[in-house]
Amino acid sequence: MNAEVLLSETARVVAVEEGAVWLETIQQSSCGACSLKKGCGQSALQSLFDGKRNHMRLPTQGLELPISVNDRVEIGIPKTAVLHGSLALYLAPLIGMVTGMVSANQLSLSDGWVLLSGVLVMAACFALIRVVTGHERIERVITPRILKVLPHCAVDEVIVSPVDVLPI
């Protein structure tokens, strides 16, 4: 692995098959660590979606780590892939919609046709993004990869040392 900056997440292995593993991640927000969570609407909204379990299948080709069911693994994706993906997903359709609407307006079409042309060009941009992201070379970059197998812990993800426990 090169020195690229990765966004990482912990996942649990739920199944192992030939050439791939099935992983489970639990969606969590950072609202629990925020001091403003009691008065924040985002915290209330996020509480509806916290704890959602997501499953994904990742290929294990070229992976030298022994992985079995219930192992905890760290998965990662390059930050640049997330940035470029966000730009493509949000900016390209927006620019396409505006371009379609301006072009239709320059042709002196009625407002209904201007709106329709903007929506059609935006839909075409979404379709183009879907085709481009399905390309094998790009798919390799945007697919998360397993970085390491995490050590097992007797208590799930919580390690308390005697130094951490202080008498009251």
Protein backbone atom coordinates (compact mmCIF):
# COMPACT_ATOMS: atom_id res chain seq x y z
CA MET A 1 0.00 0.00 0.00
CA ASN A 2 1.32 3.42 -0.85
CA ALA A 3 1.24 6.54 1.33
CA GLU A 4 -2.23 7.69 0.29
CA VAL A 5 -4.58 9.09 2.92
CA LEU A 6 -7.47 6.73 3.62
CA LEU A 7 -10.84 7.05 5.27
CA SER A 8 -11.20 3.96 7.43
CA GLU A 9 -14.00 2.12 9.18
CA THR A 10 -14.25 -0.98 11.34
CA ALA A 11 -16.33 -3.88 10.05
CA ARG A 12 -17.23 -7.39 11.19
CA VAL A 13 -16.85 -10.39 8.89
CA VAL A 14 -20.23 -12.13 8.60
CA ALA A 15 -19.38 -14.66 5.86
CA VAL A 16 -16.36 -15.91 3.97
CA GLU A 17 -16.64 -17.32 0.46
CA GLU A 18 -14.21 -18.19 -2.31
CA GLY A 19 -12.43 -14.96 -3.33
CA ALA A 20 -14.57 -12.62 -1.19
CA VAL A 21 -15.85 -11.78 2.27
CA TRP A 22 -19.15 -10.30 3.44
CA LEU A 23 -18.73 -7.48 5.93
CA GLU A 24 -21.14 -5.69 8.24
CA THR A 25 -20.68 -2.10 9.35
CA ILE A 26 -22.88 -0.17 11.75
CA GLN A 27 -23.73 3.38 10.76
CA GLN A 28 -22.98 5.80 13.58
CA SER A 29 -22.90 9.56 13.77
CA SER A 30 -20.46 11.69 15.71
CA CYS A 31 -23.35 13.33 17.57
CA GLY A 32 -22.64 11.25 20.69
CA ALA A 33 -19.37 13.09 21.24
CA CYS A 34 -20.79 16.57 20.60
CA SER A 35 -21.53 18.89 23.53
CA LEU A 36 -24.41 20.57 21.64
CA LYS A 37 -26.39 17.40 20.93
CA LYS A 38 -29.30 18.27 23.26
CA GLY A 39 -30.22 21.43 21.37
CA CYS A 40 -29.35 20.28 17.88
CA GLY A 41 -31.90 19.21 15.28
CA GLN A 42 -29.26 17.18 13.44
CA SER A 43 -28.74 15.04 16.55
CA ALA A 44 -32.47 14.31 16.81
CA LEU A 45 -32.68 13.43 13.13
CA GLN A 46 -29.55 11.28 13.24
CA SER A 47 -30.89 9.26 16.16
CA LEU A 48 -33.47 7.80 13.77
CA PHE A 49 -30.75 6.34 11.54
CA ASP A 50 -28.03 5.43 14.05
CA GLY A 51 -27.29 1.75 14.34
CA LYS A 52 -28.32 0.86 10.78
CA ARG A 53 -26.44 -2.23 9.64
CA ASN A 54 -24.87 -2.12 6.19
CA HIS A 55 -23.57 -5.21 4.39
CA MET A 56 -21.03 -5.29 1.60
CA ARG A 57 -19.10 -7.90 -0.34
CA LEU A 58 -15.39 -7.24 -0.81
CA PRO A 59 -13.00 -9.25 -2.97
CA THR A 60 -10.03 -10.83 -1.23
CA GLN A 61 -7.75 -11.29 -4.26
CA GLY A 62 -4.17 -10.45 -3.34
CA LEU A 63 -4.99 -10.32 0.38
CA GLU A 64 -2.50 -12.31 2.46
CA LEU A 65 -4.40 -12.01 5.76
CA PRO A 66 -6.26 -15.02 7.20
CA ILE A 67 -9.86 -13.93 7.71
CA SER A 68 -12.68 -15.88 9.38
CA VAL A 69 -16.27 -15.20 10.44
CA ASN A 70 -16.66 -12.73 13.35
CA ASP A 71 -13.21 -11.21 12.80
CA ARG A 72 -13.05 -7.43 13.07
CA VAL A 73 -11.31 -5.79 10.13
CA GLU A 74 -10.37 -2.26 9.20
CA ILE A 75 -11.50 -1.24 5.73
CA GLY A 76 -10.43 1.89 3.89
CA ILE A 77 -11.06 3.96 0.81
CA PRO A 78 -8.83 6.77 -0.53
CA LYS A 79 -9.98 10.27 0.47
CA THR A 80 -9.42 11.44 -3.10
CA ALA A 81 -11.90 8.83 -4.35
CA VAL A 82 -14.54 10.20 -1.97
CA LEU A 83 -13.79 13.79 -3.00
CA HIS A 84 -13.86 13.06 -6.74
CA GLY A 85 -16.97 10.92 -6.35
CA SER A 86 -18.77 13.69 -4.47
CA LEU A 87 -17.83 16.24 -7.10
CA ALA A 88 -19.00 13.97 -9.92
CA LEU A 89 -22.25 13.02 -8.20
CA TYR A 90 -23.30 16.52 -7.16
CA LEU A 91 -21.57 18.98 -9.47
CA ALA A 92 -21.90 17.27 -12.87
CA PRO A 93 -25.73 16.87 -12.78
CA LEU A 94 -26.13 20.42 -11.46
CA ILE A 95 -23.97 21.87 -14.22
CA GLY A 96 -25.80 19.68 -16.75
CA MET A 97 -29.21 20.86 -15.55
CA VAL A 98 -28.21 24.53 -15.67
CA THR A 99 -26.63 24.08 -19.12
CA GLY A 100 -29.76 22.34 -20.42
CA MET A 101 -32.02 25.05 -19.06
CA VAL A 102 -29.87 27.91 -20.38
CA SER A 103 -29.64 26.26 -23.81
CA ALA A 104 -33.42 25.76 -23.96
CA ASN A 105 -33.95 29.35 -22.84
CA GLN A 106 -31.61 30.61 -25.59
CA LEU A 107 -33.82 28.79 -28.08
CA SER A 108 -36.77 30.87 -26.76
CA LEU A 109 -38.70 27.80 -25.61
CA SER A 110 -41.52 28.12 -23.08
CA ASP A 111 -40.85 27.70 -19.37
CA GLY A 112 -42.21 24.15 -19.35
CA TRP A 113 -39.76 23.08 -22.08
CA VAL A 114 -36.89 24.85 -20.33
CA LEU A 115 -37.67 22.95 -17.13
CA LEU A 116 -38.08 19.65 -18.98
CA SER A 117 -34.78 20.08 -20.84
CA GLY A 118 -32.98 20.80 -17.56
CA VAL A 119 -34.41 17.66 -15.96
CA LEU A 120 -33.59 15.52 -19.01
CA VAL A 121 -29.98 16.71 -19.18
CA MET A 122 -29.62 16.15 -15.44
CA ALA A 123 -30.98 12.59 -15.81
CA ALA A 124 -28.53 12.00 -18.67
CA CYS A 125 -25.67 13.16 -16.41
CA PHE A 126 -26.76 10.69 -13.70
CA ALA A 127 -26.88 7.90 -16.30
CA LEU A 128 -23.42 8.84 -17.57
CA ILE A 129 -22.05 8.81 -14.01
CA ARG A 130 -23.52 5.34 -13.48
CA VAL A 131 -21.86 4.05 -16.66
CA VAL A 132 -18.50 5.64 -15.86
CA THR A 133 -18.39 4.39 -12.24
CA GLY A 134 -19.16 0.87 -13.44
CA HIS A 135 -15.92 0.85 -15.43
CA GLU A 136 -13.49 -1.71 -13.96
CA ARG A 137 -10.57 0.71 -13.53
CA ILE A 138 -12.68 3.23 -11.61
CA GLU A 139 -14.46 0.52 -9.64
CA ARG A 140 -11.08 -0.69 -8.34
CA VAL A 141 -10.37 2.78 -6.93
CA ILE A 142 -13.76 3.36 -5.29
CA THR A 143 -14.18 -0.11 -3.79
CA PRO A 144 -13.11 -0.22 -0.14
CA ARG A 145 -10.29 -2.61 0.66
CA ILE A 146 -9.37 -4.53 3.75
CA LEU A 147 -6.40 -2.88 5.47
CA LYS A 148 -5.86 -5.18 8.44
CA VAL A 149 -7.47 -7.72 10.73
CA LEU A 150 -7.96 -6.24 14.19
CA PRO A 151 -7.02 -8.22 17.32
CA HIS A 152 -9.80 -9.96 19.21
CA CYS A 153 -10.99 -8.43 22.44
CA ALA A 154 -12.92 -10.10 25.26
CA VAL A 155 -15.22 -7.09 25.58
CA ASP A 156 -16.56 -5.92 22.25
CA GLU A 157 -14.49 -2.88 21.17
CA VAL A 158 -13.93 -1.63 24.75
CA ILE A 159 -10.63 -2.06 26.52
CA VAL A 160 -10.44 -0.73 30.09
CA SER A 161 -7.12 -0.66 31.87
CA PRO A 162 -6.76 -0.20 35.64
CA VAL A 163 -5.30 3.25 35.01
CA ASP A 164 -8.54 4.35 33.30
CA VAL A 165 -10.71 3.48 36.33
CA LEU A 166 -10.40 6.11 39.01
CA PRO A 167 -12.07 5.86 42.45
CA ILE A 168 -14.75 8.42 43.16
